[in-house]
Amino acid sequence: MLGEEVSMAYLSTKHYGHNIGLSSVFRQPNADHSHCHLLHGYSLAFTFTFGCKELDNKNWAVDFGGLKEIKAWLEDHFDHKVAVDKDDPHMDKMRELEEMDIAELRIFDGVGAEKFAYHAFVFADELIRRKSNNRCWVESVECAEHGANSAIYKKEK
C-alpha cells in the first residue's frame, strides 16, 4: 500500500428484519423458464449501510432515531403491497385487482430483490445526504427475501 492513497470511512448499519412484516407479492414477468413468473411473496428484510468520513458531534455516522422516513417508505412500498414491474404484460389485470380492492399496487421500474435494493438505495441516499448536509451517504442496501436469498445494491467506487 506504500504510495497508494487510502480512503477511510465510518460505516454503520440499520436493519429492518423479516419480523416487521414487509409482506410483499411480486412476480418476474420475464422469468418464463421459472416458477418466479408466478405471483409469490415474502416478508422482505432490508439492511442499510451508511458511510461518512467524519462523525457528528455525538460521534455518530447517522442518527438511527432519525430514520423514520426510511421505515415509512419501506412500509408504503412493501407492507401488504403487490409490487409490479411497470412493463408487466399483465398490467391491465393487476390494475383490475386494485380496482376491485383485492390488491394495493406499487409500480416499480423493475422488481425483485436486486431492484428493491436499488429503489431503497436511491430513496435513502437522497434522504441521508439531505439530512446530513452531504456528510453521510448510503454505502449499500441489502434486500433479503428470506434467510437463503438476498441481493445488494452498493455505491460504485
N, C-alpha and C. Protein backbone atom coordinates (compact mmCIF):
# COMPACT_ATOMS: atom_id res chain seq x y z
N MET A 1 0.81 -1.19 0.00
CA MET A 1 0.00 0.00 0.00
C MET A 1 0.85 1.25 0.00
N LEU A 2 2.13 1.10 0.12
CA LEU A 2 3.01 2.26 0.13
C LEU A 2 2.85 3.02 -1.18
N GLY A 3 2.62 4.28 -1.09
CA GLY A 3 2.44 5.12 -2.27
C GLY A 3 1.00 5.21 -2.75
N GLU A 4 0.12 4.34 -2.22
CA GLU A 4 -1.28 4.40 -2.60
C GLU A 4 -2.05 5.24 -1.60
N GLU A 5 -3.01 6.02 -2.10
CA GLU A 5 -3.85 6.80 -1.20
C GLU A 5 -4.98 5.89 -0.69
N VAL A 6 -5.14 5.85 0.61
CA VAL A 6 -6.17 5.03 1.22
C VAL A 6 -7.30 5.95 1.69
N SER A 7 -8.50 5.63 1.30
CA SER A 7 -9.66 6.40 1.70
C SER A 7 -10.41 5.61 2.76
N MET A 8 -10.59 6.20 3.92
CA MET A 8 -11.25 5.52 5.03
C MET A 8 -12.60 6.16 5.31
N ALA A 9 -13.51 5.34 5.85
CA ALA A 9 -14.84 5.85 6.18
C ALA A 9 -15.37 5.10 7.39
N TYR A 10 -16.24 5.75 8.14
CA TYR A 10 -17.01 5.10 9.20
C TYR A 10 -18.24 4.49 8.53
N LEU A 11 -18.61 3.31 8.97
CA LEU A 11 -19.81 2.65 8.47
C LEU A 11 -20.71 2.29 9.63
N SER A 12 -22.01 2.42 9.43
CA SER A 12 -22.99 1.95 10.41
C SER A 12 -24.14 1.31 9.63
N THR A 13 -24.90 0.46 10.29
CA THR A 13 -25.99 -0.23 9.61
C THR A 13 -27.30 -0.09 10.37
N LYS A 14 -28.37 -0.14 9.63
CA LYS A 14 -29.72 -0.19 10.18
C LYS A 14 -30.44 -1.33 9.49
N HIS A 15 -31.02 -2.22 10.28
CA HIS A 15 -31.67 -3.42 9.74
C HIS A 15 -33.17 -3.38 10.04
N TYR A 16 -33.95 -3.61 9.02
CA TYR A 16 -35.40 -3.78 9.15
C TYR A 16 -35.67 -5.23 8.79
N GLY A 17 -35.89 -6.07 9.80
CA GLY A 17 -35.94 -7.51 9.60
C GLY A 17 -37.26 -8.03 9.08
N HIS A 18 -37.26 -9.33 8.80
CA HIS A 18 -38.46 -10.02 8.32
C HIS A 18 -39.60 -9.86 9.32
N ASN A 19 -39.26 -9.67 10.58
CA ASN A 19 -40.25 -9.60 11.65
C ASN A 19 -41.11 -8.33 11.62
N ILE A 20 -40.73 -7.30 10.85
CA ILE A 20 -41.57 -6.10 10.85
C ILE A 20 -42.72 -6.20 9.86
N GLY A 21 -42.75 -7.26 9.06
CA GLY A 21 -43.92 -7.53 8.23
C GLY A 21 -44.02 -6.80 6.92
N LEU A 22 -42.91 -6.66 6.22
CA LEU A 22 -42.95 -6.06 4.88
C LEU A 22 -43.35 -7.15 3.88
N SER A 23 -44.60 -7.59 4.01
CA SER A 23 -45.12 -8.71 3.23
C SER A 23 -45.52 -8.24 1.84
N SER A 24 -44.70 -8.55 0.87
CA SER A 24 -44.91 -8.07 -0.48
C SER A 24 -45.06 -9.24 -1.45
N VAL A 25 -45.91 -9.04 -2.44
CA VAL A 25 -46.12 -10.02 -3.50
C VAL A 25 -45.61 -9.41 -4.79
N PHE A 26 -44.94 -10.23 -5.60
CA PHE A 26 -44.48 -9.76 -6.90
C PHE A 26 -44.26 -10.97 -7.80
N ARG A 27 -43.94 -10.69 -9.04
CA ARG A 27 -43.60 -11.75 -9.98
C ARG A 27 -42.56 -11.21 -10.94
N GLN A 28 -41.82 -12.10 -11.53
CA GLN A 28 -40.83 -11.73 -12.54
C GLN A 28 -41.43 -12.03 -13.91
N PRO A 29 -42.02 -11.05 -14.59
CA PRO A 29 -42.71 -11.34 -15.84
C PRO A 29 -41.82 -11.94 -16.92
N ASN A 30 -40.52 -11.73 -16.86
CA ASN A 30 -39.62 -12.27 -17.88
C ASN A 30 -39.01 -13.61 -17.49
N ALA A 31 -39.39 -14.16 -16.36
CA ALA A 31 -38.81 -15.44 -15.90
C ALA A 31 -39.69 -16.60 -16.35
N ASP A 32 -39.94 -16.69 -17.66
CA ASP A 32 -40.84 -17.73 -18.17
C ASP A 32 -40.25 -19.13 -18.03
N HIS A 33 -38.98 -19.26 -17.72
CA HIS A 33 -38.33 -20.55 -17.51
C HIS A 33 -38.45 -21.02 -16.06
N SER A 34 -39.06 -20.21 -15.21
CA SER A 34 -39.04 -20.45 -13.76
C SER A 34 -40.42 -20.20 -13.16
N HIS A 35 -40.64 -20.79 -11.99
CA HIS A 35 -41.88 -20.53 -11.27
C HIS A 35 -41.95 -19.08 -10.76
N CYS A 36 -40.85 -18.33 -10.85
CA CYS A 36 -40.84 -16.94 -10.39
C CYS A 36 -41.68 -16.02 -11.28
N HIS A 37 -42.17 -16.54 -12.41
CA HIS A 37 -43.08 -15.72 -13.23
C HIS A 37 -44.47 -15.67 -12.60
N LEU A 38 -44.70 -16.53 -11.61
CA LEU A 38 -45.98 -16.53 -10.90
C LEU A 38 -45.94 -15.54 -9.74
N LEU A 39 -47.12 -15.05 -9.35
CA LEU A 39 -47.18 -14.21 -8.15
C LEU A 39 -46.70 -15.03 -6.96
N HIS A 40 -45.81 -14.45 -6.19
CA HIS A 40 -45.32 -15.08 -4.96
C HIS A 40 -44.88 -13.98 -4.01
N GLY A 41 -44.76 -14.30 -2.75
CA GLY A 41 -44.47 -13.23 -1.80
C GLY A 41 -43.49 -13.63 -0.73
N TYR A 42 -42.96 -12.60 -0.09
CA TYR A 42 -42.01 -12.75 1.01
C TYR A 42 -42.25 -11.63 2.02
N SER A 43 -41.82 -11.88 3.22
CA SER A 43 -41.70 -10.81 4.20
C SER A 43 -40.27 -10.31 4.03
N LEU A 44 -40.12 -9.24 3.30
CA LEU A 44 -38.79 -8.72 2.93
C LEU A 44 -38.07 -8.13 4.14
N ALA A 45 -36.76 -8.17 4.10
CA ALA A 45 -35.91 -7.52 5.10
C ALA A 45 -34.91 -6.63 4.36
N PHE A 46 -34.57 -5.51 4.97
CA PHE A 46 -33.64 -4.57 4.35
C PHE A 46 -32.55 -4.20 5.36
N THR A 47 -31.31 -4.15 4.89
CA THR A 47 -30.20 -3.66 5.70
C THR A 47 -29.54 -2.52 4.94
N PHE A 48 -29.49 -1.36 5.60
CA PHE A 48 -28.88 -0.17 5.03
C PHE A 48 -27.52 0.02 5.67
N THR A 49 -26.50 0.25 4.86
CA THR A 49 -25.17 0.58 5.36
C THR A 49 -24.88 2.02 4.99
N PHE A 50 -24.60 2.81 6.02
CA PHE A 50 -24.34 4.24 5.85
C PHE A 50 -22.85 4.50 6.01
N GLY A 51 -22.34 5.48 5.30
CA GLY A 51 -20.94 5.83 5.42
C GLY A 51 -20.75 7.31 5.63
N CYS A 52 -19.62 7.66 6.25
CA CYS A 52 -19.23 9.06 6.40
C CYS A 52 -17.73 9.12 6.67
N LYS A 53 -17.15 10.23 6.35
CA LYS A 53 -15.71 10.46 6.63
C LYS A 53 -15.53 11.01 8.04
N GLU A 54 -16.52 11.78 8.49
CA GLU A 54 -16.45 12.40 9.81
C GLU A 54 -17.73 12.15 10.57
N LEU A 55 -17.61 11.81 11.84
CA LEU A 55 -18.77 11.60 12.70
C LEU A 55 -19.36 12.94 13.11
N ASP A 56 -20.61 12.92 13.56
CA ASP A 56 -21.22 14.16 14.03
C ASP A 56 -20.75 14.47 15.45
N ASN A 57 -21.32 15.48 16.07
CA ASN A 57 -20.87 15.89 17.40
C ASN A 57 -21.26 14.90 18.50
N LYS A 58 -22.02 13.86 18.15
CA LYS A 58 -22.35 12.79 19.10
C LYS A 58 -21.53 11.54 18.80
N ASN A 59 -20.61 11.65 17.85
CA ASN A 59 -19.79 10.53 17.38
C ASN A 59 -20.61 9.47 16.68
N TRP A 60 -21.62 9.90 15.94
CA TRP A 60 -22.48 9.01 15.16
C TRP A 60 -22.27 9.28 13.68
N ALA A 61 -22.39 8.21 12.89
CA ALA A 61 -22.46 8.38 11.43
C ALA A 61 -23.85 8.93 11.09
N VAL A 62 -24.89 8.19 11.45
CA VAL A 62 -26.26 8.66 11.29
C VAL A 62 -27.00 8.48 12.61
N ASP A 63 -28.00 9.30 12.81
CA ASP A 63 -28.86 9.19 13.99
C ASP A 63 -29.95 8.17 13.66
N PHE A 64 -29.87 6.97 14.25
CA PHE A 64 -30.85 5.93 13.94
C PHE A 64 -32.27 6.36 14.26
N GLY A 65 -32.43 7.24 15.24
CA GLY A 65 -33.75 7.75 15.57
C GLY A 65 -34.33 8.66 14.48
N GLY A 66 -33.48 9.12 13.59
CA GLY A 66 -33.92 10.00 12.51
C GLY A 66 -34.22 9.27 11.21
N LEU A 67 -34.40 7.95 11.29
CA LEU A 67 -34.61 7.16 10.07
C LEU A 67 -36.07 6.76 9.87
N LYS A 68 -36.97 7.42 10.56
CA LYS A 68 -38.39 7.05 10.47
C LYS A 68 -38.92 7.16 9.04
N GLU A 69 -38.38 8.08 8.26
CA GLU A 69 -38.83 8.23 6.87
C GLU A 69 -38.46 7.02 6.02
N ILE A 70 -37.33 6.39 6.33
CA ILE A 70 -36.95 5.18 5.60
C ILE A 70 -37.93 4.05 5.92
N LYS A 71 -38.22 3.86 7.20
CA LYS A 71 -39.17 2.81 7.58
C LYS A 71 -40.54 3.08 6.96
N ALA A 72 -40.98 4.32 6.97
CA ALA A 72 -42.27 4.68 6.38
C ALA A 72 -42.28 4.40 4.88
N TRP A 73 -41.18 4.70 4.19
CA TRP A 73 -41.08 4.42 2.76
C TRP A 73 -41.17 2.92 2.51
N LEU A 74 -40.44 2.14 3.30
CA LEU A 74 -40.49 0.68 3.14
C LEU A 74 -41.90 0.16 3.35
N GLU A 75 -42.57 0.64 4.39
CA GLU A 75 -43.94 0.19 4.66
C GLU A 75 -44.88 0.60 3.53
N ASP A 76 -44.73 1.81 3.04
CA ASP A 76 -45.60 2.30 1.96
C ASP A 76 -45.40 1.51 0.67
N HIS A 77 -44.19 1.02 0.43
CA HIS A 77 -43.90 0.33 -0.82
C HIS A 77 -44.00 -1.20 -0.74
N PHE A 78 -43.90 -1.77 0.46
CA PHE A 78 -43.83 -3.23 0.55
C PHE A 78 -44.78 -3.87 1.55
N ASP A 79 -45.35 -3.15 2.49
CA ASP A 79 -46.19 -3.76 3.52
C ASP A 79 -47.58 -4.07 2.97
N HIS A 80 -47.83 -5.35 2.72
CA HIS A 80 -49.10 -5.81 2.14
C HIS A 80 -49.38 -5.15 0.80
N LYS A 81 -48.34 -5.07 -0.01
CA LYS A 81 -48.44 -4.47 -1.34
C LYS A 81 -48.10 -5.51 -2.41
N VAL A 82 -48.59 -5.25 -3.60
CA VAL A 82 -48.20 -6.03 -4.77
C VAL A 82 -47.27 -5.14 -5.58
N ALA A 83 -46.02 -5.54 -5.65
CA ALA A 83 -45.01 -4.79 -6.40
C ALA A 83 -45.04 -5.27 -7.85
N VAL A 84 -45.30 -4.34 -8.75
CA VAL A 84 -45.49 -4.68 -10.16
C VAL A 84 -44.46 -3.95 -11.01
N ASP A 85 -43.84 -4.69 -11.91
CA ASP A 85 -42.93 -4.09 -12.88
C ASP A 85 -43.76 -3.22 -13.83
N LYS A 86 -43.30 -2.01 -14.08
CA LYS A 86 -44.04 -1.08 -14.95
C LYS A 86 -44.27 -1.65 -16.34
N ASP A 87 -43.46 -2.62 -16.74
CA ASP A 87 -43.59 -3.23 -18.07
C ASP A 87 -44.25 -4.60 -18.03
N ASP A 88 -44.89 -4.94 -16.93
CA ASP A 88 -45.55 -6.25 -16.83
C ASP A 88 -46.61 -6.34 -17.94
N PRO A 89 -46.56 -7.39 -18.75
CA PRO A 89 -47.54 -7.51 -19.83
C PRO A 89 -48.98 -7.71 -19.34
N HIS A 90 -49.15 -8.03 -18.06
CA HIS A 90 -50.49 -8.20 -17.50
C HIS A 90 -50.87 -7.04 -16.57
N MET A 91 -50.33 -5.87 -16.85
CA MET A 91 -50.61 -4.70 -16.02
C MET A 91 -52.10 -4.43 -15.94
N ASP A 92 -52.82 -4.63 -17.03
CA ASP A 92 -54.26 -4.37 -17.02
C ASP A 92 -54.96 -5.27 -16.00
N LYS A 93 -54.55 -6.52 -15.89
CA LYS A 93 -55.15 -7.44 -14.90
C LYS A 93 -54.75 -7.04 -13.48
N MET A 94 -53.52 -6.60 -13.32
CA MET A 94 -53.07 -6.15 -12.00
C MET A 94 -53.90 -4.93 -11.56
N ARG A 95 -54.11 -4.02 -12.47
CA ARG A 95 -54.91 -2.83 -12.15
C ARG A 95 -56.36 -3.20 -11.84
N GLU A 96 -56.87 -4.23 -12.51
CA GLU A 96 -58.23 -4.71 -12.20
C GLU A 96 -58.31 -5.18 -10.75
N LEU A 97 -57.27 -5.90 -10.30
CA LEU A 97 -57.25 -6.36 -8.90
C LEU A 97 -57.31 -5.18 -7.94
N GLU A 98 -56.57 -4.13 -8.28
CA GLU A 98 -56.59 -2.94 -7.42
C GLU A 98 -57.96 -2.26 -7.47
N GLU A 99 -58.54 -2.17 -8.65
CA GLU A 99 -59.86 -1.53 -8.78
C GLU A 99 -60.93 -2.30 -8.00
N MET A 100 -60.77 -3.63 -7.90
CA MET A 100 -61.72 -4.45 -7.15
C MET A 100 -61.39 -4.48 -5.66
N ASP A 101 -60.40 -3.70 -5.24
CA ASP A 101 -59.96 -3.64 -3.84
C ASP A 101 -59.47 -4.99 -3.33
N ILE A 102 -58.80 -5.73 -4.22
CA ILE A 102 -58.21 -7.02 -3.87
C ILE A 102 -56.72 -6.87 -3.61
N ALA A 103 -56.11 -5.86 -4.21
CA ALA A 103 -54.67 -5.66 -4.07
C ALA A 103 -54.36 -4.17 -4.09
N GLU A 104 -53.28 -3.81 -3.41
CA GLU A 104 -52.78 -2.44 -3.46
C GLU A 104 -51.44 -2.50 -4.20
N LEU A 105 -51.41 -1.88 -5.36
CA LEU A 105 -50.23 -1.96 -6.23
C LEU A 105 -49.21 -0.88 -5.91
N ARG A 106 -47.96 -1.24 -6.13
CA ARG A 106 -46.85 -0.29 -6.18
C ARG A 106 -46.11 -0.61 -7.47
N ILE A 107 -46.04 0.37 -8.35
CA ILE A 107 -45.43 0.18 -9.66
C ILE A 107 -43.96 0.59 -9.58
N PHE A 108 -43.08 -0.31 -10.02
CA PHE A 108 -41.63 -0.08 -9.99
C PHE A 108 -41.04 -0.22 -11.38
N ASP A 109 -39.93 0.44 -11.58
CA ASP A 109 -39.11 0.22 -12.77
C ASP A 109 -38.21 -0.97 -12.46
N GLY A 110 -38.79 -2.15 -12.51
CA GLY A 110 -38.08 -3.39 -12.19
C GLY A 110 -38.42 -3.88 -10.79
N VAL A 111 -38.64 -5.19 -10.67
CA VAL A 111 -38.95 -5.81 -9.39
C VAL A 111 -37.97 -6.94 -9.10
N GLY A 112 -37.97 -7.39 -7.87
CA GLY A 112 -37.07 -8.45 -7.41
C GLY A 112 -36.12 -7.89 -6.38
N ALA A 113 -35.44 -8.76 -5.68
CA ALA A 113 -34.57 -8.33 -4.58
C ALA A 113 -33.52 -7.32 -5.03
N GLU A 114 -32.91 -7.56 -6.21
CA GLU A 114 -31.89 -6.63 -6.69
C GLU A 114 -32.47 -5.24 -6.93
N LYS A 115 -33.62 -5.19 -7.61
CA LYS A 115 -34.24 -3.90 -7.90
C LYS A 115 -34.82 -3.26 -6.64
N PHE A 116 -35.35 -4.06 -5.72
CA PHE A 116 -35.86 -3.47 -4.48
C PHE A 116 -34.72 -2.84 -3.68
N ALA A 117 -33.56 -3.50 -3.68
CA ALA A 117 -32.38 -2.92 -3.01
C ALA A 117 -32.00 -1.61 -3.68
N TYR A 118 -32.04 -1.58 -5.00
CA TYR A 118 -31.71 -0.36 -5.75
C TYR A 118 -32.70 0.77 -5.42
N HIS A 119 -34.00 0.47 -5.49
CA HIS A 119 -35.01 1.52 -5.23
C HIS A 119 -34.87 2.08 -3.81
N ALA A 120 -34.65 1.19 -2.83
CA ALA A 120 -34.48 1.64 -1.45
C ALA A 120 -33.20 2.47 -1.31
N PHE A 121 -32.14 2.08 -2.02
CA PHE A 121 -30.88 2.82 -2.01
C PHE A 121 -31.10 4.25 -2.50
N VAL A 122 -31.76 4.40 -3.64
CA VAL A 122 -31.98 5.73 -4.23
C VAL A 122 -32.74 6.62 -3.25
N PHE A 123 -33.82 6.08 -2.67
CA PHE A 123 -34.60 6.88 -1.72
C PHE A 123 -33.76 7.26 -0.50
N ALA A 124 -33.11 6.27 0.11
CA ALA A 124 -32.38 6.50 1.36
C ALA A 124 -31.16 7.39 1.15
N ASP A 125 -30.45 7.23 0.05
CA ASP A 125 -29.25 8.03 -0.18
C ASP A 125 -29.61 9.51 -0.29
N GLU A 126 -30.66 9.82 -1.03
CA GLU A 126 -31.08 11.22 -1.15
C GLU A 126 -31.49 11.77 0.21
N LEU A 127 -32.22 10.98 0.98
CA LEU A 127 -32.67 11.40 2.31
C LEU A 127 -31.49 11.66 3.25
N ILE A 128 -30.57 10.70 3.32
CA ILE A 128 -29.43 10.80 4.25
C ILE A 128 -28.51 11.95 3.86
N ARG A 129 -28.28 12.12 2.58
CA ARG A 129 -27.42 13.23 2.14
C ARG A 129 -28.06 14.57 2.53
N ARG A 130 -29.37 14.67 2.32
CA ARG A 130 -30.07 15.92 2.66
C ARG A 130 -30.04 16.16 4.17
N LYS A 131 -30.36 15.13 4.96
CA LYS A 131 -30.41 15.29 6.41
C LYS A 131 -29.04 15.58 7.03
N SER A 132 -27.97 15.09 6.39
CA SER A 132 -26.63 15.27 6.96
C SER A 132 -25.84 16.38 6.27
N ASN A 133 -26.50 17.13 5.38
CA ASN A 133 -25.80 18.16 4.62
C ASN A 133 -24.60 17.56 3.87
N ASN A 134 -24.83 16.40 3.26
CA ASN A 134 -23.84 15.65 2.47
C ASN A 134 -22.66 15.10 3.28
N ARG A 135 -22.78 15.06 4.60
CA ARG A 135 -21.72 14.45 5.42
C ARG A 135 -21.77 12.93 5.31
N CYS A 136 -22.98 12.37 5.15
CA CYS A 136 -23.17 10.92 5.09
C CYS A 136 -23.81 10.52 3.77
N TRP A 137 -23.68 9.27 3.47
CA TRP A 137 -24.27 8.69 2.26
C TRP A 137 -24.68 7.25 2.57
N VAL A 138 -25.41 6.67 1.64
CA VAL A 138 -25.72 5.24 1.74
C VAL A 138 -24.66 4.50 0.96
N GLU A 139 -24.00 3.59 1.63
CA GLU A 139 -22.95 2.77 1.02
C GLU A 139 -23.57 1.59 0.27
N SER A 140 -24.58 0.95 0.88
CA SER A 140 -25.24 -0.19 0.24
C SER A 140 -26.58 -0.45 0.89
N VAL A 141 -27.42 -1.17 0.16
CA VAL A 141 -28.69 -1.67 0.70
C VAL A 141 -28.80 -3.13 0.30
N GLU A 142 -29.13 -3.95 1.28
CA GLU A 142 -29.38 -5.37 1.04
C GLU A 142 -30.87 -5.64 1.23
N CYS A 143 -31.46 -6.35 0.28
CA CYS A 143 -32.85 -6.77 0.38
C CYS A 143 -32.85 -8.29 0.43
N ALA A 144 -33.43 -8.85 1.50
CA ALA A 144 -33.48 -10.30 1.67
C ALA A 144 -34.91 -10.79 1.54
N GLU A 145 -35.09 -11.81 0.71
CA GLU A 145 -36.40 -12.45 0.59
C GLU A 145 -36.64 -13.38 1.78
N HIS A 146 -35.59 -14.05 2.17
CA HIS A 146 -35.61 -14.96 3.33
C HIS A 146 -34.16 -15.24 3.68
N GLY A 147 -33.93 -16.18 4.58
CA GLY A 147 -32.57 -16.43 5.06
C GLY A 147 -31.59 -16.92 4.01
N ALA A 148 -32.08 -17.44 2.88
CA ALA A 148 -31.18 -18.00 1.88
C ALA A 148 -30.95 -17.08 0.68
N ASN A 149 -31.83 -16.13 0.43
CA ASN A 149 -31.72 -15.29 -0.77
C ASN A 149 -31.71 -13.81 -0.41
N SER A 150 -30.70 -13.11 -0.88
CA SER A 150 -30.69 -11.66 -0.75
C SER A 150 -29.90 -11.07 -1.91
N ALA A 151 -30.05 -9.77 -2.08
CA ALA A 151 -29.32 -9.05 -3.11
C ALA A 151 -28.88 -7.72 -2.54
N ILE A 152 -27.76 -7.22 -3.02
CA ILE A 152 -27.18 -5.98 -2.53
C ILE A 152 -26.97 -5.01 -3.69
N TYR A 153 -27.39 -3.77 -3.45
CA TYR A 153 -27.04 -2.69 -4.36
C TYR A 153 -26.09 -1.79 -3.60
N LYS A 154 -24.93 -1.51 -4.19
CA LYS A 154 -23.96 -0.69 -3.47
C LYS A 154 -23.42 0.43 -4.34
N LYS A 155 -22.92 1.42 -3.62
CA LYS A 155 -22.34 2.59 -4.24
C LYS A 155 -21.10 2.16 -5.03
N GLU A 156 -20.99 2.67 -6.24
CA GLU A 156 -19.82 2.39 -7.05
C GLU A 156 -18.64 3.19 -6.54
N LYS A 157 -17.50 2.58 -6.58
CA LYS A 157 -16.27 3.27 -6.13
C LYS A 157 -15.71 4.11 -7.24
